[in-house]
Every structure is written in C-alpha cells, then in structure tokens.
N, C-alpha and C. Protein backbone atom coordinates (compact mmCIF):
# COMPACT_ATOMS: atom_id res chain seq x y z
N MET A 1 31.66 85.06 -2.48
CA MET A 1 31.70 86.00 -1.38
C MET A 1 33.02 86.77 -1.43
N GLY A 2 32.94 88.08 -1.38
CA GLY A 2 34.14 88.92 -1.40
C GLY A 2 34.77 89.03 -0.03
N HIS A 3 35.80 89.82 0.05
CA HIS A 3 36.51 90.03 1.30
C HIS A 3 35.96 91.25 2.04
N ASN A 4 36.00 91.18 3.35
CA ASN A 4 35.77 92.32 4.22
C ASN A 4 36.70 92.14 5.42
N THR A 5 37.99 92.26 5.14
CA THR A 5 39.01 91.94 6.14
C THR A 5 39.96 93.11 6.33
N ASP A 6 40.16 93.44 7.59
CA ASP A 6 41.19 94.40 7.99
C ASP A 6 42.18 93.63 8.84
N ALA A 7 43.47 93.84 8.60
CA ALA A 7 44.46 93.07 9.35
C ALA A 7 45.76 93.84 9.52
N LEU A 8 46.44 93.46 10.57
CA LEU A 8 47.80 93.90 10.88
C LEU A 8 48.66 92.66 10.64
N ILE A 9 49.66 92.77 9.78
CA ILE A 9 50.46 91.60 9.40
C ILE A 9 51.93 91.88 9.67
N GLY A 10 52.57 90.93 10.34
CA GLY A 10 54.00 91.05 10.62
C GLY A 10 54.64 89.69 10.76
N ARG A 11 55.95 89.67 10.71
CA ARG A 11 56.72 88.42 10.80
C ARG A 11 56.77 87.94 12.25
N MET A 12 56.74 86.65 12.40
CA MET A 12 56.89 86.02 13.71
C MET A 12 58.35 86.19 14.17
N PRO A 13 58.66 86.12 15.43
CA PRO A 13 57.75 85.83 16.53
C PRO A 13 57.05 87.10 17.02
N ILE A 14 55.92 86.88 17.67
CA ILE A 14 55.20 87.96 18.32
C ILE A 14 55.00 87.57 19.78
N ASN A 15 54.59 88.51 20.58
CA ASN A 15 54.34 88.26 22.00
C ASN A 15 52.92 87.71 22.15
N LEU A 16 52.81 86.39 22.27
CA LEU A 16 51.50 85.74 22.35
C LEU A 16 50.76 86.08 23.64
N GLU A 17 51.48 86.28 24.73
CA GLU A 17 50.83 86.65 25.99
C GLU A 17 50.11 87.99 25.85
N LYS A 18 50.78 88.96 25.24
CA LYS A 18 50.16 90.28 25.03
C LYS A 18 49.01 90.17 24.03
N LEU A 19 49.20 89.37 23.00
CA LEU A 19 48.15 89.17 22.00
C LEU A 19 46.88 88.65 22.68
N LYS A 20 47.03 87.67 23.55
CA LYS A 20 45.88 87.11 24.26
C LYS A 20 45.32 88.10 25.28
N PHE A 21 46.20 88.87 25.94
CA PHE A 21 45.74 89.88 26.89
C PHE A 21 44.80 90.87 26.21
N TYR A 22 45.15 91.29 25.01
CA TYR A 22 44.32 92.25 24.28
C TYR A 22 43.18 91.58 23.52
N GLY A 23 43.10 90.25 23.57
CA GLY A 23 42.00 89.54 22.92
C GLY A 23 42.04 89.59 21.42
N LEU A 24 43.22 89.71 20.85
CA LEU A 24 43.36 89.81 19.40
C LEU A 24 43.26 88.44 18.73
N ALA A 25 42.52 88.37 17.64
CA ALA A 25 42.44 87.15 16.84
C ALA A 25 43.60 87.14 15.86
N VAL A 26 44.23 85.98 15.70
CA VAL A 26 45.41 85.90 14.84
C VAL A 26 45.44 84.57 14.10
N ALA A 27 45.88 84.64 12.85
CA ALA A 27 46.16 83.44 12.05
C ALA A 27 47.66 83.42 11.81
N PHE A 28 48.22 82.22 11.73
CA PHE A 28 49.65 82.05 11.48
C PHE A 28 49.82 81.40 10.12
N GLU A 29 50.55 82.06 9.24
CA GLU A 29 50.79 81.57 7.88
C GLU A 29 52.23 81.86 7.47
N ASN A 30 52.96 80.82 7.12
CA ASN A 30 54.31 80.98 6.55
C ASN A 30 55.19 81.93 7.36
N ASP A 31 55.23 81.75 8.67
CA ASP A 31 56.06 82.55 9.57
C ASP A 31 55.60 84.00 9.70
N TYR A 32 54.33 84.25 9.38
CA TYR A 32 53.74 85.58 9.55
C TYR A 32 52.51 85.47 10.43
N ALA A 33 52.27 86.53 11.20
CA ALA A 33 51.07 86.64 12.01
C ALA A 33 50.11 87.59 11.30
N ILE A 34 48.88 87.14 11.12
CA ILE A 34 47.83 87.95 10.52
C ILE A 34 46.85 88.26 11.64
N ILE A 35 46.92 89.47 12.18
CA ILE A 35 46.08 89.87 13.30
C ILE A 35 44.85 90.56 12.73
N PHE A 36 43.70 89.95 12.96
CA PHE A 36 42.45 90.48 12.42
C PHE A 36 41.99 91.68 13.24
N LEU A 37 41.63 92.75 12.56
CA LEU A 37 41.17 93.97 13.21
C LEU A 37 39.66 94.07 13.04
N GLU A 38 38.96 94.30 14.15
CA GLU A 38 37.50 94.31 14.13
C GLU A 38 37.02 95.53 14.90
N ASP A 39 36.02 96.20 14.36
CA ASP A 39 35.56 97.49 14.86
C ASP A 39 35.14 97.46 16.34
N SER A 40 34.27 96.54 16.74
CA SER A 40 33.80 96.50 18.13
C SER A 40 34.94 96.23 19.10
N HIS A 41 35.83 95.35 18.72
CA HIS A 41 37.00 95.03 19.55
C HIS A 41 37.88 96.28 19.72
N LEU A 42 38.14 96.96 18.61
CA LEU A 42 38.99 98.16 18.66
C LEU A 42 38.32 99.29 19.43
N LEU A 43 37.00 99.44 19.26
CA LEU A 43 36.27 100.47 19.99
C LEU A 43 36.41 100.25 21.50
N ASN A 44 36.29 99.01 21.93
CA ASN A 44 36.43 98.67 23.35
C ASN A 44 37.80 99.11 23.88
N TRP A 45 38.87 98.76 23.17
CA TRP A 45 40.22 99.14 23.62
C TRP A 45 40.47 100.64 23.44
N SER A 46 39.86 101.23 22.45
CA SER A 46 39.99 102.67 22.25
C SER A 46 39.45 103.43 23.46
N ARG A 47 38.32 102.98 23.96
CA ARG A 47 37.72 103.62 25.14
C ARG A 47 38.58 103.39 26.39
N LYS A 48 39.11 102.18 26.54
CA LYS A 48 39.92 101.87 27.72
C LYS A 48 41.24 102.64 27.74
N LEU A 49 41.86 102.78 26.57
CA LEU A 49 43.19 103.37 26.49
C LEU A 49 43.20 104.82 25.99
N ASN A 50 42.02 105.30 25.59
CA ASN A 50 41.89 106.65 25.06
C ASN A 50 42.82 106.88 23.86
N LEU A 51 42.79 105.92 22.93
CA LEU A 51 43.58 106.00 21.71
C LEU A 51 42.66 105.82 20.51
N SER A 52 42.86 106.61 19.47
CA SER A 52 42.04 106.49 18.27
C SER A 52 42.48 105.28 17.45
N TYR A 53 41.56 104.75 16.66
CA TYR A 53 41.92 103.58 15.86
C TYR A 53 41.57 103.72 14.38
N TYR A 54 40.81 104.72 14.03
CA TYR A 54 40.48 104.90 12.61
C TYR A 54 41.66 105.52 11.87
N SER A 55 41.77 105.16 10.60
CA SER A 55 42.85 105.69 9.76
C SER A 55 42.47 107.06 9.22
N ASP A 56 43.46 107.88 8.97
CA ASP A 56 43.21 109.15 8.29
C ASP A 56 43.37 108.98 6.78
N ASN A 57 43.62 107.76 6.34
CA ASN A 57 43.74 107.44 4.92
C ASN A 57 42.42 106.83 4.46
N GLU A 58 41.80 107.41 3.47
CA GLU A 58 40.48 106.93 3.01
C GLU A 58 40.53 105.51 2.44
N ASN A 59 41.70 104.99 2.15
CA ASN A 59 41.83 103.63 1.62
C ASN A 59 41.88 102.56 2.71
N LEU A 60 41.97 102.96 3.98
CA LEU A 60 42.02 102.02 5.10
C LEU A 60 40.92 102.35 6.09
N ASN A 61 40.39 101.34 6.77
CA ASN A 61 39.46 101.58 7.88
C ASN A 61 40.22 101.95 9.14
N PHE A 62 41.22 101.14 9.46
CA PHE A 62 41.92 101.27 10.73
C PHE A 62 43.39 101.61 10.50
N GLY A 63 43.95 102.37 11.43
CA GLY A 63 45.34 102.75 11.29
C GLY A 63 45.75 103.83 12.27
N GLY A 64 44.88 104.15 13.21
CA GLY A 64 45.19 105.18 14.18
C GLY A 64 46.19 104.72 15.23
N GLU A 65 46.37 105.56 16.24
CA GLU A 65 47.40 105.32 17.25
C GLU A 65 47.20 104.02 18.02
N LEU A 66 45.97 103.56 18.17
CA LEU A 66 45.73 102.29 18.86
C LEU A 66 46.35 101.12 18.10
N ILE A 67 46.25 101.12 16.79
CA ILE A 67 46.80 100.03 15.98
C ILE A 67 48.32 99.98 16.15
N HIS A 68 48.95 101.12 16.14
CA HIS A 68 50.41 101.18 16.30
C HIS A 68 50.83 100.79 17.73
N PHE A 69 50.01 101.18 18.70
CA PHE A 69 50.25 100.77 20.09
C PHE A 69 50.20 99.25 20.21
N LEU A 70 49.17 98.63 19.62
CA LEU A 70 49.04 97.17 19.68
C LEU A 70 50.20 96.48 18.96
N ALA A 71 50.60 97.03 17.81
CA ALA A 71 51.75 96.46 17.08
C ALA A 71 52.99 96.46 17.97
N LYS A 72 53.22 97.56 18.66
CA LYS A 72 54.38 97.65 19.54
C LYS A 72 54.26 96.68 20.72
N GLU A 73 53.07 96.58 21.29
CA GLU A 73 52.84 95.70 22.43
C GLU A 73 53.12 94.24 22.10
N ILE A 74 52.81 93.82 20.87
CA ILE A 74 53.03 92.41 20.51
C ILE A 74 54.37 92.21 19.80
N ASN A 75 55.21 93.23 19.85
CA ASN A 75 56.60 93.17 19.34
C ASN A 75 56.72 93.16 17.82
N LEU A 76 55.84 93.84 17.13
CA LEU A 76 56.01 94.01 15.69
C LEU A 76 56.74 95.32 15.44
N GLU A 77 57.91 95.23 14.83
CA GLU A 77 58.66 96.44 14.47
C GLU A 77 58.36 96.84 13.03
N LYS A 78 58.22 95.85 12.15
CA LYS A 78 57.90 96.10 10.75
C LYS A 78 56.61 95.36 10.45
N TYR A 79 55.62 96.08 9.94
CA TYR A 79 54.30 95.48 9.74
C TYR A 79 53.52 96.24 8.68
N THR A 80 52.48 95.57 8.20
CA THR A 80 51.56 96.22 7.28
C THR A 80 50.19 96.26 7.93
N ILE A 81 49.43 97.28 7.57
CA ILE A 81 48.01 97.34 7.88
C ILE A 81 47.32 97.22 6.53
N VAL A 82 46.44 96.23 6.39
CA VAL A 82 45.80 96.01 5.10
C VAL A 82 44.29 96.08 5.22
N TYR A 83 43.68 96.49 4.11
CA TYR A 83 42.23 96.51 3.97
C TYR A 83 41.91 95.72 2.72
N LEU A 84 41.25 94.59 2.91
CA LEU A 84 40.91 93.71 1.80
C LEU A 84 39.40 93.77 1.59
N ASN A 85 38.99 94.54 0.61
CA ASN A 85 37.58 94.69 0.28
C ASN A 85 37.52 94.98 -1.20
N ASP A 86 36.92 96.09 -1.59
CA ASP A 86 36.92 96.46 -3.01
C ASP A 86 38.34 96.78 -3.46
N GLU A 87 39.07 97.43 -2.60
CA GLU A 87 40.47 97.75 -2.85
C GLU A 87 41.32 96.82 -2.00
N TYR A 88 42.35 96.31 -2.56
CA TYR A 88 43.30 95.48 -1.80
C TYR A 88 44.51 96.36 -1.55
N TYR A 89 44.44 97.09 -0.43
CA TYR A 89 45.36 98.19 -0.16
C TYR A 89 46.07 97.96 1.16
N GLY A 90 47.28 98.49 1.27
CA GLY A 90 47.99 98.39 2.53
C GLY A 90 49.00 99.50 2.72
N GLU A 91 49.41 99.65 3.97
CA GLU A 91 50.48 100.57 4.33
C GLU A 91 51.54 99.79 5.09
N LEU A 92 52.78 100.11 4.84
CA LEU A 92 53.92 99.46 5.48
C LEU A 92 54.51 100.40 6.53
N TYR A 93 54.79 99.85 7.71
CA TYR A 93 55.35 100.64 8.81
C TYR A 93 56.59 99.97 9.35
N GLU A 94 57.51 100.79 9.79
CA GLU A 94 58.68 100.31 10.51
C GLU A 94 58.86 101.22 11.71
N ASN A 95 58.87 100.62 12.92
CA ASN A 95 58.93 101.38 14.17
C ASN A 95 57.87 102.48 14.20
N ASN A 96 56.66 102.12 13.81
CA ASN A 96 55.48 102.99 13.82
C ASN A 96 55.54 104.15 12.83
N LEU A 97 56.49 104.16 11.91
CA LEU A 97 56.57 105.20 10.89
C LEU A 97 56.22 104.60 9.53
N LYS A 98 55.31 105.25 8.81
CA LYS A 98 54.92 104.74 7.50
C LYS A 98 56.08 104.89 6.53
N THR A 99 56.43 103.78 5.88
CA THR A 99 57.54 103.80 4.92
C THR A 99 57.07 103.59 3.49
N ASP A 100 55.86 103.03 3.30
CA ASP A 100 55.36 102.80 1.95
C ASP A 100 53.87 102.51 2.01
N GLN A 101 53.24 102.54 0.85
CA GLN A 101 51.81 102.24 0.75
C GLN A 101 51.50 101.83 -0.67
N GLY A 102 50.37 101.16 -0.84
CA GLY A 102 49.94 100.77 -2.17
C GLY A 102 49.22 99.44 -2.19
N ASP A 103 49.24 98.80 -3.34
CA ASP A 103 48.61 97.51 -3.54
C ASP A 103 49.10 96.51 -2.49
N VAL A 104 48.20 95.63 -2.04
CA VAL A 104 48.54 94.70 -0.97
C VAL A 104 49.75 93.83 -1.31
N ASN A 105 49.87 93.37 -2.54
CA ASN A 105 51.02 92.54 -2.90
C ASN A 105 52.33 93.33 -2.83
N PHE A 106 52.27 94.60 -3.20
CA PHE A 106 53.45 95.47 -3.12
C PHE A 106 53.92 95.61 -1.67
N VAL A 107 52.99 95.93 -0.74
CA VAL A 107 53.42 96.13 0.65
C VAL A 107 53.81 94.81 1.32
N LEU A 108 53.16 93.71 0.95
CA LEU A 108 53.56 92.41 1.50
C LEU A 108 54.96 92.03 1.03
N GLN A 109 55.26 92.33 -0.23
CA GLN A 109 56.60 92.06 -0.75
C GLN A 109 57.64 92.90 0.00
N LYS A 110 57.32 94.17 0.24
CA LYS A 110 58.22 95.05 1.00
C LYS A 110 58.39 94.58 2.44
N LEU A 111 57.35 93.93 2.98
CA LEU A 111 57.41 93.38 4.33
C LEU A 111 58.35 92.18 4.38
N GLY A 112 58.56 91.54 3.23
CA GLY A 112 59.45 90.39 3.18
C GLY A 112 58.78 89.10 2.78
N VAL A 113 57.47 89.14 2.50
CA VAL A 113 56.77 87.94 2.07
C VAL A 113 57.33 87.52 0.71
N GLN A 114 57.75 86.29 0.62
CA GLN A 114 58.31 85.77 -0.63
C GLN A 114 57.31 84.84 -1.29
N ARG A 115 57.06 85.12 -2.54
CA ARG A 115 56.17 84.28 -3.33
C ARG A 115 56.94 83.02 -3.68
N LEU A 116 56.58 81.90 -3.07
CA LEU A 116 57.30 80.65 -3.29
C LEU A 116 56.55 79.72 -4.23
N ASP A 117 55.37 79.31 -3.81
CA ASP A 117 54.62 78.34 -4.59
C ASP A 117 53.21 78.81 -4.94
N LYS A 118 52.97 80.10 -4.80
CA LYS A 118 51.64 80.65 -5.08
C LYS A 118 51.79 81.77 -6.11
N GLU A 119 50.65 82.25 -6.62
CA GLU A 119 50.69 83.24 -7.70
C GLU A 119 51.13 84.63 -7.27
N ASN A 120 50.93 84.97 -5.98
CA ASN A 120 51.38 86.28 -5.49
C ASN A 120 51.49 86.25 -3.96
N GLU A 121 51.91 87.35 -3.38
CA GLU A 121 52.14 87.43 -1.93
C GLU A 121 50.84 87.27 -1.15
N PHE A 122 49.75 87.83 -1.66
CA PHE A 122 48.43 87.68 -1.05
C PHE A 122 48.09 86.21 -0.87
N HIS A 123 48.26 85.43 -1.92
CA HIS A 123 47.96 84.00 -1.86
C HIS A 123 49.02 83.23 -1.08
N GLN A 124 50.26 83.70 -1.06
CA GLN A 124 51.31 83.03 -0.29
C GLN A 124 50.95 83.01 1.20
N LEU A 125 50.29 84.05 1.67
CA LEU A 125 49.84 84.10 3.07
C LEU A 125 48.42 83.55 3.23
N ASN A 126 47.88 82.98 2.16
CA ASN A 126 46.53 82.40 2.17
C ASN A 126 45.46 83.40 2.59
N LEU A 127 45.66 84.67 2.27
CA LEU A 127 44.68 85.69 2.63
C LEU A 127 43.35 85.49 1.92
N ASN A 128 43.35 84.73 0.84
CA ASN A 128 42.11 84.45 0.13
C ASN A 128 41.13 83.65 1.00
N TYR A 129 41.62 82.96 2.04
CA TYR A 129 40.75 82.17 2.91
C TYR A 129 40.12 82.99 4.03
N TYR A 130 40.66 84.15 4.31
CA TYR A 130 40.18 84.95 5.43
C TYR A 130 39.28 86.07 4.91
N ARG A 131 37.99 85.77 4.83
CA ARG A 131 37.03 86.67 4.18
C ARG A 131 36.47 87.76 5.08
N MET A 132 36.40 87.51 6.39
CA MET A 132 35.82 88.48 7.32
C MET A 132 36.61 88.51 8.61
N SER A 133 36.95 89.69 9.08
CA SER A 133 37.67 89.81 10.35
C SER A 133 36.77 89.49 11.53
N GLU A 134 35.54 89.96 11.49
CA GLU A 134 34.66 89.87 12.66
C GLU A 134 34.35 88.45 13.09
N CYS A 135 34.34 87.49 12.17
CA CYS A 135 33.95 86.11 12.53
C CYS A 135 34.94 85.45 13.48
N TYR A 136 36.13 86.01 13.62
CA TYR A 136 37.12 85.46 14.56
C TYR A 136 37.00 86.09 15.95
N TYR A 137 36.00 86.99 16.11
CA TYR A 137 35.71 87.61 17.40
C TYR A 137 34.33 87.22 17.92
N TRP A 138 33.56 86.48 17.15
CA TRP A 138 32.23 86.06 17.59
C TRP A 138 32.34 85.20 18.83
N GLU A 139 31.30 85.23 19.66
CA GLU A 139 31.31 84.49 20.92
C GLU A 139 31.04 83.00 20.72
N GLY A 140 31.64 82.20 21.57
CA GLY A 140 31.34 80.78 21.68
C GLY A 140 31.52 79.97 20.41
N GLU A 141 30.57 79.11 20.17
CA GLU A 141 30.64 78.16 19.06
C GLU A 141 30.54 78.83 17.69
N SER A 142 30.06 80.07 17.64
CA SER A 142 29.97 80.74 16.33
C SER A 142 31.30 81.23 15.81
N ASN A 143 32.33 81.27 16.65
CA ASN A 143 33.64 81.79 16.24
C ASN A 143 34.29 80.84 15.23
N TRP A 144 34.65 81.39 14.08
CA TRP A 144 35.19 80.58 12.98
C TRP A 144 36.59 80.04 13.25
N ALA A 145 37.25 80.53 14.27
CA ALA A 145 38.60 80.04 14.58
C ALA A 145 38.58 78.54 14.88
N LYS A 146 37.46 78.04 15.34
CA LYS A 146 37.37 76.61 15.68
C LYS A 146 37.56 75.71 14.47
N PHE A 147 37.42 76.26 13.28
CA PHE A 147 37.58 75.47 12.05
C PHE A 147 39.03 75.43 11.56
N HIS A 148 39.92 76.15 12.24
CA HIS A 148 41.31 76.28 11.78
C HIS A 148 42.28 76.02 12.93
N LYS A 149 43.25 75.16 12.72
CA LYS A 149 44.25 74.87 13.75
C LYS A 149 45.28 75.99 13.87
N ASN A 150 45.37 76.85 12.85
CA ASN A 150 46.38 77.91 12.84
C ASN A 150 45.85 79.27 13.30
N ILE A 151 44.67 79.29 13.92
CA ILE A 151 44.06 80.56 14.34
C ILE A 151 43.78 80.54 15.84
N ILE A 152 44.11 81.64 16.50
CA ILE A 152 43.72 81.87 17.88
C ILE A 152 42.54 82.83 17.84
N ALA A 153 41.43 82.43 18.46
CA ALA A 153 40.23 83.26 18.47
C ALA A 153 40.45 84.53 19.28
N GLY A 154 39.83 85.59 18.84
CA GLY A 154 39.84 86.83 19.59
C GLY A 154 38.61 86.90 20.47
N HIS A 155 38.56 87.90 21.34
CA HIS A 155 37.37 88.09 22.18
C HIS A 155 37.25 89.57 22.52
N ILE A 156 36.03 89.95 22.81
CA ILE A 156 35.74 91.33 23.18
C ILE A 156 35.30 91.33 24.63
N ASP A 157 36.11 91.92 25.50
CA ASP A 157 35.75 92.02 26.91
C ASP A 157 34.66 93.05 27.07
N LYS A 158 33.74 92.75 27.95
CA LYS A 158 32.63 93.70 28.18
C LYS A 158 32.74 94.33 29.53
C-alpha cells in the first residue's frame, strides 16, 4: 500500500489546547509534531473561517492561508507542508514565508530533522508508518489513532 498523506510538520512544543480546539490529528515522533491534513476537516474550517486551504503549487494538495493560520495558532514558526503520494514533496516555511521546497528529505533536513539511526529523514520521523491522513479523522472505533500511543485523534465538527 502506498502513501496518501498530507501533513504539517514542526518541532515541539506546540499548543495542544489549540490543536484539540481545531480537532487536528497529530503524531509525535522524535520531538516533532506531524499534523495530518484531511480534506473534509479543512473544508469545515475553511467555511467557518473563510480561509482557503488548497495550495497554488501543483505538487501539494494543501498549503493555502488556512494551513498557515493553523500553524500559527499551534505555535509553529518553522514548519514543512508535505505531500506523500507519488511524489514525496514538501515546502519549508518560517513565519509563514516559504523559504525552500523540494524532496521531502531535503525539506525535513532544512527543518532540523537529524538522521540518527535510520536511512533518511523521512524514516527518522517514521513517516513510512503513516499511510493515510484521513484514517486519523474517522469517527469512533474506526479511527486508527487508537492503535498508536503517540497519536491524538482528530475530529470533524458538524
């Protein structure tokens, strides 16, 4: 099974109260927060806040003003937005300004991820285990977060 994951990744600490307020799903790996981005969840907040969430870069699904708003709300100053599918691509931001882009390992390295005991930065954050963003937003017992102690489940308010 391949990847179909969109995520916002930044170094800890983050504002967990705001993260939960916005219903964002997050995994914690090696002092980094991997915030899973999911279309229905973002659409809901886009309508509430009147902020766009789609990227203007054809290599990313998400990256509009809503994503940067959420990054600021949870106290991420330096972060990447990644799309893990056919292309393993990302953009690096600092204070909501894009500073770099390219292969996911390149932007993770620029973010500060250090390859310690794994083959690359992607594997150092165990991104190989996170195959789908949406499964961390599913309702009730179907939510895959229940299988991981390092994940907070997201939710979509109706």
